[in-house]
C-alpha atoms as a PDB file:
ATOM      1  CA  UNK A   1      11.866 -13.788 -14.265  1.00  0.00           C
ATOM      2  CA  UNK A   2       8.773 -11.955 -16.895  1.00  0.00           C
ATOM      3  CA  UNK A   3       6.529 -10.080 -15.526  1.00  0.00           C
ATOM      4  CA  UNK A   4       5.424 -10.926 -11.946  1.00  0.00           C
ATOM      5  CA  UNK A   5       2.014 -10.459 -10.043  1.00  0.00           C
ATOM      6  CA  UNK A   6       2.443  -9.213  -6.920  1.00  0.00           C
ATOM      7  CA  UNK A   7      -0.043  -8.819  -4.105  1.00  0.00           C
ATOM      8  CA  UNK A   8       1.671  -6.952  -0.750  1.00  0.00           C
ATOM      9  CA  UNK A   9      -0.096  -6.491   2.617  1.00  0.00           C
ATOM     10  CA  UNK A  10       1.252  -5.431   6.012  1.00  0.00           C
ATOM     11  CA  UNK A  11      -0.028  -2.490   8.654  1.00  0.00           C
ATOM     12  CA  UNK A  12       0.324   1.177   8.351  1.00  0.00           C
ATOM     13  CA  UNK A  13       4.216   1.702   8.841  1.00  0.00           C
ATOM     14  CA  UNK A  14       5.454  -2.029   7.693  1.00  0.00           C
ATOM     15  CA  UNK A  15       7.309  -0.721   4.660  1.00  0.00           C
ATOM     16  CA  UNK A  16       4.555  -1.842   1.935  1.00  0.00           C
ATOM     17  CA  UNK A  17       5.519   1.340  -0.064  1.00  0.00           C
ATOM     18  CA  UNK A  18       9.460   1.188   0.199  1.00  0.00           C
ATOM     19  CA  UNK A  19       9.136  -2.222  -0.708  1.00  0.00           C
ATOM     20  CA  UNK A  20       7.227  -2.108  -3.536  1.00  0.00           C
ATOM     21  CA  UNK A  21       9.116   0.634  -4.988  1.00  0.00           C
ATOM     22  CA  UNK A  22      12.014  -1.873  -5.402  1.00  0.00           C
ATOM     23  CA  UNK A  23       9.849  -4.425  -6.663  1.00  0.00           C
ATOM     24  CA  UNK A  24       8.666  -1.898  -9.315  1.00  0.00           C
ATOM     25  CA  UNK A  25      12.465  -1.483 -10.285  1.00  0.00           C
ATOM     26  CA  UNK A  26      13.926  -4.386  -9.363  1.00  0.00           C
ATOM     27  CA  UNK A  27      11.586  -6.583 -11.959  1.00  0.00           C
ATOM     28  CA  UNK A  28      10.111  -3.986 -14.222  1.00  0.00           C
ATOM     29  CA  UNK A  29       6.479  -4.084 -13.277  1.00  0.00           C
ATOM     30  CA  UNK A  30       4.195  -1.407 -12.370  1.00  0.00           C
ATOM     31  CA  UNK A  31       3.389  -0.463  -8.580  1.00  0.00           C
ATOM     32  CA  UNK A  32      -0.465   0.204  -8.166  1.00  0.00           C
ATOM     33  CA  UNK A  33      -1.587   1.440  -5.132  1.00  0.00           C
ATOM     34  CA  UNK A  34      -5.143   2.308  -4.607  1.00  0.00           C
ATOM     35  CA  UNK A  35      -5.137   5.985  -3.949  1.00  0.00           C
ATOM     36  CA  UNK A  36      -2.774   6.487  -7.051  1.00  0.00           C
ATOM     37  CA  UNK A  37      -5.367   4.993  -9.315  1.00  0.00           C
ATOM     38  CA  UNK A  38      -8.234   6.764  -8.075  1.00  0.00           C
ATOM     39  CA  UNK A  39      -6.262   9.824  -9.237  1.00  0.00           C
ATOM     40  CA  UNK A  40      -5.996   9.140 -12.370  1.00  0.00           C
ATOM     41  CA  UNK A  41      -9.204   7.645 -12.971  1.00  0.00           C
ATOM     42  CA  UNK A  42     -11.244  10.343 -11.319  1.00  0.00           C
ATOM     43  CA  UNK A  43     -13.206  11.147 -14.670  1.00  0.00           C
ATOM     44  CA  UNK A  44     -13.563   6.998 -15.251  1.00  0.00           C
ATOM     45  CA  UNK A  45     -17.670   6.912 -16.474  1.00  0.00           C
ATOM     46  CA  UNK A  46     -19.068   4.258 -13.791  1.00  0.00           C
ATOM     47  CA  UNK A  47     -22.981   5.264 -14.789  1.00  0.00           C
ATOM     48  CA  UNK A  48     -23.363   1.559 -15.652  1.00  0.00           C
ATOM     49  CA  UNK A  49     -22.761   0.636 -11.585  1.00  0.00           C
ATOM     50  CA  UNK A  50     -26.270   2.738 -11.125  1.00  0.00           C
ATOM     51  CA  UNK A  51     -24.437   4.236  -8.001  1.00  0.00           C
ATOM     52  CA  UNK A  52     -24.850   7.565  -6.406  1.00  0.00           C
ATOM     53  CA  UNK A  53     -22.309   9.338  -8.284  1.00  0.00           C
ATOM     54  CA  UNK A  54     -21.015   8.590 -12.462  1.00  0.00           C
ATOM     55  CA  UNK A  55     -17.505   9.454 -11.782  1.00  0.00           C
ATOM     56  CA  UNK A  56     -14.949   8.459  -8.704  1.00  0.00           C
ATOM     57  CA  UNK A  57     -14.067  12.118  -8.649  1.00  0.00           C
ATOM     58  CA  UNK A  58     -17.598  13.123  -7.675  1.00  0.00           C
ATOM     59  CA  UNK A  59     -17.337  11.029  -3.939  1.00  0.00           C
ATOM     60  CA  UNK A  60     -13.489  12.372  -3.818  1.00  0.00           C
ATOM     61  CA  UNK A  61     -14.944  16.044  -4.187  1.00  0.00           C
ATOM     62  CA  UNK A  62     -17.922  15.480  -2.141  1.00  0.00           C
ATOM     63  CA  UNK A  63     -15.382  13.395   0.920  1.00  0.00           C
ATOM     64  CA  UNK A  64     -17.148  10.306   0.913  1.00  0.00           C
ATOM     65  CA  UNK A  65     -15.887   7.086   0.942  1.00  0.00           C
ATOM     66  CA  UNK A  66     -15.294   5.391  -2.198  1.00  0.00           C
ATOM     67  CA  UNK A  67     -17.918   2.463  -2.658  1.00  0.00           C
ATOM     68  CA  UNK A  68     -16.014  -1.292  -3.370  1.00  0.00           C
ATOM     69  CA  UNK A  69     -17.746  -1.632  -6.747  1.00  0.00           C
ATOM     70  CA  UNK A  70     -16.017   1.708  -7.962  1.00  0.00           C
ATOM     71  CA  UNK A  71     -12.390   0.801  -6.461  1.00  0.00           C
ATOM     72  CA  UNK A  72     -12.907  -2.502  -8.043  1.00  0.00           C
ATOM     73  CA  UNK A  73     -13.524  -0.863 -11.387  1.00  0.00           C
ATOM     74  CA  UNK A  74     -10.447   1.323 -11.251  1.00  0.00           C
ATOM     75  CA  UNK A  75      -7.930  -1.606  -9.893  1.00  0.00           C
ATOM     76  CA  UNK A  76      -9.287  -4.326 -12.692  1.00  0.00           C
ATOM     77  CA  UNK A  77      -8.653  -1.082 -15.299  1.00  0.00           C
ATOM     78  CA  UNK A  78      -5.336  -0.425 -13.717  1.00  0.00           C
ATOM     79  CA  UNK A  79      -4.338  -4.505 -14.029  1.00  0.00           C
ATOM     80  CA  UNK A  80      -5.294  -4.770 -17.112  1.00  0.00           C
ATOM     81  CA  UNK A  81      -3.119  -2.617 -18.063  1.00  0.00           C
ATOM     82  CA  UNK A  82      -0.016  -3.434 -16.530  1.00  0.00           C
ATOM     83  CA  UNK A  83       2.170  -5.880 -18.055  1.00  0.00           C
ATOM     84  CA  UNK A  84       3.079  -7.543 -14.378  1.00  0.00           C
ATOM     85  CA  UNK A  85       2.398  -5.300 -10.996  1.00  0.00           C
ATOM     86  CA  UNK A  86       2.735  -5.164  -7.660  1.00  0.00           C
ATOM     87  CA  UNK A  87      -0.480  -4.383  -6.041  1.00  0.00           C
ATOM     88  CA  UNK A  88      -0.319  -2.102  -2.736  1.00  0.00           C
ATOM     89  CA  UNK A  89      -2.847  -0.728  -0.790  1.00  0.00           C
ATOM     90  CA  UNK A  90      -5.548  -2.923  -2.099  1.00  0.00           C
ATOM     91  CA  UNK A  91      -7.842  -5.574  -1.123  1.00  0.00           C
ATOM     92  CA  UNK A  92      -8.769  -3.700   2.401  1.00  0.00           C
ATOM     93  CA  UNK A  93     -11.579  -6.495   2.972  1.00  0.00           C
ATOM     94  CA  UNK A  94     -12.906  -9.943   2.294  1.00  0.00           C
ATOM     95  CA  UNK A  95     -15.593  -8.815  -0.555  1.00  0.00           C
ATOM     96  CA  UNK A  96     -12.742  -6.965  -2.398  1.00  0.00           C
ATOM     97  CA  UNK A  97     -10.288  -9.800  -1.862  1.00  0.00           C
ATOM     98  CA  UNK A  98     -12.816 -11.865  -3.631  1.00  0.00           C
ATOM     99  CA  UNK A  99     -12.717  -9.864  -5.937  1.00  0.00           C
ATOM    100  CA  UNK A 100      -9.244  -9.591  -7.079  1.00  0.00           C
ATOM    101  CA  UNK A 101      -9.192 -13.804  -6.677  1.00  0.00           C
ATOM    102  CA  UNK A 102     -11.513 -13.651  -9.150  1.00  0.00           C
ATOM    103  CA  UNK A 103      -9.711 -11.222 -12.162  1.00  0.00           C
ATOM    104  CA  UNK A 104      -6.450 -12.276 -11.345  1.00  0.00           C
ATOM    105  CA  UNK A 105      -3.854 -14.886 -11.306  1.00  0.00           C
ATOM    106  CA  UNK A 106      -1.425 -13.901  -8.277  1.00  0.00           C
ATOM    107  CA  UNK A 107       2.127 -15.251  -8.359  1.00  0.00           C
ATOM    108  CA  UNK A 108       2.648 -14.563  -4.798  1.00  0.00           C
ATOM    109  CA  UNK A 109       1.065 -12.631  -1.933  1.00  0.00           C
ATOM    110  CA  UNK A 110       3.916 -11.140   0.759  1.00  0.00           C
ATOM    111  CA  UNK A 111       2.637  -9.949   4.071  1.00  0.00           C
ATOM    112  CA  UNK A 112       5.158  -7.521   5.757  1.00  0.00           C
ATOM    113  CA  UNK A 113       4.349  -8.727   9.738  1.00  0.00           C
ATOM    114  CA  UNK A 114       5.919  -5.894  12.055  1.00  0.00           C
ATOM    115  CA  UNK A 115       4.657  -5.707  15.860  1.00  0.00           C
ATOM    116  CA  UNK A 116       2.036  -3.481  16.889  1.00  0.00           C
ATOM    117  CA  UNK A 117       4.847  -1.005  19.263  1.00  0.00           C
ATOM    118  CA  UNK A 118       7.629  -0.890  16.334  1.00  0.00           C
ATOM    119  CA  UNK A 119       4.600  -0.154  14.154  1.00  0.00           C
ATOM    120  CA  UNK A 120       3.789   2.305  16.467  1.00  0.00           C
ATOM    121  CA  UNK A 121       7.287   3.642  16.108  1.00  0.00           C
ATOM    122  CA  UNK A 122       7.519   4.158  12.897  1.00  0.00           C
ATOM    123  CA  UNK A 123       4.463   5.915  12.443  1.00  0.00           C
ATOM    124  CA  UNK A 124       5.049   8.956  15.046  1.00  0.00           C
ATOM    125  CA  UNK A 125       8.260   9.141  14.103  1.00  0.00           C
ATOM    126  CA  UNK A 126       7.666  10.670  10.676  1.00  0.00           C
ATOM    127  CA  UNK A 127       8.083  14.180   9.407  1.00  0.00           C
ATOM    128  CA  UNK A 128       7.039  15.400   6.458  1.00  0.00           C
ATOM    129  CA  UNK A 129       8.202  19.023   4.259  1.00  0.00           C
ATOM    130  CA  UNK A 130       4.987  21.123   4.272  1.00  0.00           C
ATOM    131  CA  UNK A 131       6.955  22.729   1.032  1.00  0.00           C
ATOM    132  CA  UNK A 132       7.856  20.016  -1.256  1.00  0.00           C
ATOM    133  CA  UNK A 133       6.132  16.799   0.650  1.00  0.00           C
ATOM    134  CA  UNK A 134       9.497  15.594   1.324  1.00  0.00           C
ATOM    135  CA  UNK A 135       9.277  12.570   4.193  1.00  0.00           C
ATOM    136  CA  UNK A 136      11.704  12.005   6.990  1.00  0.00           C
ATOM    137  CA  UNK A 137      11.645   9.615   9.825  1.00  0.00           C
ATOM    138  CA  UNK A 138      13.381  10.875  13.051  1.00  0.00           C
ATOM    139  CA  UNK A 139      15.038   7.762  13.403  1.00  0.00           C
ATOM    140  CA  UNK A 140      15.416   5.728  10.337  1.00  0.00           C
ATOM    141  CA  UNK A 141      15.860   8.840   7.678  1.00  0.00           C
ATOM    142  CA  UNK A 142      16.627  11.946   9.655  1.00  0.00           C
ATOM    143  CA  UNK A 143      17.282  15.448   8.183  1.00  0.00           C
ATOM    144  CA  UNK A 144      20.639  16.829   8.486  1.00  0.00           C
ATOM    145  CA  UNK A 145      19.241  19.778  10.305  1.00  0.00           C
ATOM    146  CA  UNK A 146      16.639  18.895  12.783  1.00  0.00           C
ATOM    147  CA  UNK A 147      13.202  20.413  11.696  1.00  0.00           C
ATOM    148  CA  UNK A 148      14.563  20.867   8.514  1.00  0.00           C
ATOM    149  CA  UNK A 149      13.994  19.569   4.410  1.00  0.00           C
ATOM    150  CA  UNK A 150      17.226  18.909   2.969  1.00  0.00           C
ATOM    151  CA  UNK A 151      15.575  19.324  -0.324  1.00  0.00           C
ATOM    152  CA  UNK A 152      14.135  22.379  -0.038  1.00  0.00           C
ATOM    153  CA  UNK A 153      14.815  23.947   3.383  1.00  0.00           C
ATOM    154  CA  UNK A 154      11.105  24.221   4.430  1.00  0.00           C
ATOM    155  CA  UNK A 155       9.940  23.237   7.728  1.00  0.00           C
ATOM    156  CA  UNK A 156       9.023  19.766   9.104  1.00  0.00           C
ATOM    157  CA  UNK A 157       5.788  18.718  10.905  1.00  0.00           C
ATOM    158  CA  UNK A 158       4.438  15.633  12.517  1.00  0.00           C
ATOM    159  CA  UNK A 159       1.062  14.888   9.959  1.00  0.00           C
ATOM    160  CA  UNK A 160      -2.543  14.434  12.626  1.00  0.00           C
ATOM    161  CA  UNK A 161      -2.784  10.687  11.430  1.00  0.00           C
ATOM    162  CA  UNK A 162       0.816  10.458  13.159  1.00  0.00           C
ATOM    163  CA  UNK A 163       0.428  10.867  16.405  1.00  0.00           C
ATOM    164  CA  UNK A 164      -0.009   7.587  18.590  1.00  0.00           C
ATOM    165  CA  UNK A 165      -3.477   8.249  19.331  1.00  0.00           C
ATOM    166  CA  UNK A 166      -4.667   8.167  15.444  1.00  0.00           C
ATOM    167  CA  UNK A 167      -1.070   5.182  14.706  1.00  0.00           C
ATOM    168  CA  UNK A 168      -3.045   2.964  16.891  1.00  0.00           C
ATOM    169  CA  UNK A 169      -6.647   3.251  15.696  1.00  0.00           C
ATOM    170  CA  UNK A 170      -5.341   3.036  11.857  1.00  0.00           C
ATOM    171  CA  UNK A 171      -3.710   0.088  13.029  1.00  0.00           C
ATOM    172  CA  UNK A 172      -6.785  -1.445  14.924  1.00  0.00           C
ATOM    173  CA  UNK A 173      -9.062  -0.631  11.787  1.00  0.00           C
ATOM    174  CA  UNK A 174      -6.239  -2.665   9.549  1.00  0.00           C
ATOM    175  CA  UNK A 175      -6.150  -5.258  11.202  1.00  0.00           C
ATOM    176  CA  UNK A 176      -9.905  -5.561  11.819  1.00  0.00           C
ATOM    177  CA  UNK A 177     -10.820  -5.136   7.890  1.00  0.00           C
ATOM    178  CA  UNK A 178      -7.589  -6.882   6.740  1.00  0.00           C
ATOM    179  CA  UNK A 179      -7.073 -10.323   9.378  1.00  0.00           C
ATOM    180  CA  UNK A 180      -9.290 -12.203   6.922  1.00  0.00           C
ATOM    181  CA  UNK A 181      -7.558 -11.222   3.823  1.00  0.00           C
ATOM    182  CA  UNK A 182      -3.891 -12.645   4.886  1.00  0.00           C
ATOM    183  CA  UNK A 183      -6.382 -15.413   5.974  1.00  0.00           C
ATOM    184  CA  UNK A 184      -7.678 -16.002   2.692  1.00  0.00           C
ATOM    185  CA  UNK A 185      -4.349 -16.323   0.908  1.00  0.00           C
ATOM    186  CA  UNK A 186      -3.004 -18.407   3.621  1.00  0.00           C
ATOM    187  CA  UNK A 187      -5.644 -20.913   3.473  1.00  0.00           C
ATOM    188  CA  UNK A 188      -5.167 -20.705  -0.548  1.00  0.00           C
ATOM    189  CA  UNK A 189      -1.413 -21.298   0.080  1.00  0.00           C
ATOM    190  CA  UNK A 190       0.228 -18.485  -1.546  1.00  0.00           C
ATOM    191  CA  UNK A 191       1.054 -16.060   1.607  1.00  0.00           C
ATOM    192  CA  UNK A 192       5.051 -15.422   2.173  1.00  0.00           C
ATOM    193  CA  UNK A 193       5.158 -14.030   5.723  1.00  0.00           C
ATOM    194  CA  UNK A 194       8.257 -11.742   5.633  1.00  0.00           C
ATOM    195  CA  UNK A 195      10.133 -10.322   9.419  1.00  0.00           C
ATOM    196  CA  UNK A 196       9.282  -6.622   8.396  1.00  0.00           C
ATOM    197  CA  UNK A 197      10.820  -5.629  12.127  1.00  0.00           C
ATOM    198  CA  UNK A 198      14.538  -6.172   9.780  1.00  0.00           C
ATOM    199  CA  UNK A 199      16.420  -3.668   8.198  1.00  0.00           C
ATOM    200  CA  UNK A 200      14.736  -2.607   4.951  1.00  0.00           C
ATOM    201  CA  UNK A 201      17.551  -4.065   2.990  1.00  0.00           C
ATOM    202  CA  UNK A 202      17.191  -7.097   5.213  1.00  0.00           C
ATOM    203  CA  UNK A 203      13.730  -7.073   4.039  1.00  0.00           C
ATOM    204  CA  UNK A 204      14.221  -6.440   0.743  1.00  0.00           C
ATOM    205  CA  UNK A 205      16.459  -9.141   0.365  1.00  0.00           C
ATOM    206  CA  UNK A 206      13.549 -11.611   1.954  1.00  0.00           C
ATOM    207  CA  UNK A 207      11.006 -10.134  -0.183  1.00  0.00           C
ATOM    208  CA  UNK A 208      13.392 -10.175  -3.305  1.00  0.00           C
ATOM    209  CA  UNK A 209      13.943 -14.233  -3.197  1.00  0.00           C
ATOM    210  CA  UNK A 210      10.712 -15.099  -2.070  1.00  0.00           C
ATOM    211  CA  UNK A 211       9.379 -13.741  -5.734  1.00  0.00           C
ATOM    212  CA  UNK A 212      11.982 -15.024  -7.353  1.00  0.00           C
ATOM    213  CA  UNK A 213      11.189 -18.446  -5.915  1.00  0.00           C
ATOM    214  CA  UNK A 214       7.451 -18.175  -6.068  1.00  0.00           C
ATOM    215  CA  UNK A 215       7.038 -16.406  -9.744  1.00  0.00           C
ATOM    216  CA  UNK A 216       9.602 -18.639 -11.281  1.00  0.00           C
END
């Protein structure tokens, strides 16, 4: 198969990152995330957009939300430079969706469907090493010694983003913003729903088979 163009959608905790990395490795394509693309293009000249700042980094340094127009420019640049890709974390709303549709033809849109309570269980069980940043999960990927990083021996902690209250808020915001995105691609006939509550390996088998069927 030659360089599929894949979009992966799903709520926080659905497993997009895990499956995206496997897709990138399996098919030899780029894994493009909005966060990485922003960090890699902090100094991009966006003065032609006539906005408050002339680079994405200035928004980030000021702690301000990066406008859609800027995110769109960065994603466009990343897609143009990629020979096949799996796009993860974009689009987040209808405006971005319409823009994405205007700049590329997707082979398949994957939607990892996971129940809210399962998402909360996944998010609240995450633990991060305060020294090296390695990530664990109390149920799915526990460290050998509770509270201690296998990699460097650092202490593990639960991020503020991973408390139940915050997790449910993140999921609610995601659903409000992204439900129209899912419907947009469903109406186009390119959306493929994957049961994201299976084991990661079972999800991967469905993801791989779906991409192979749609991208050929």
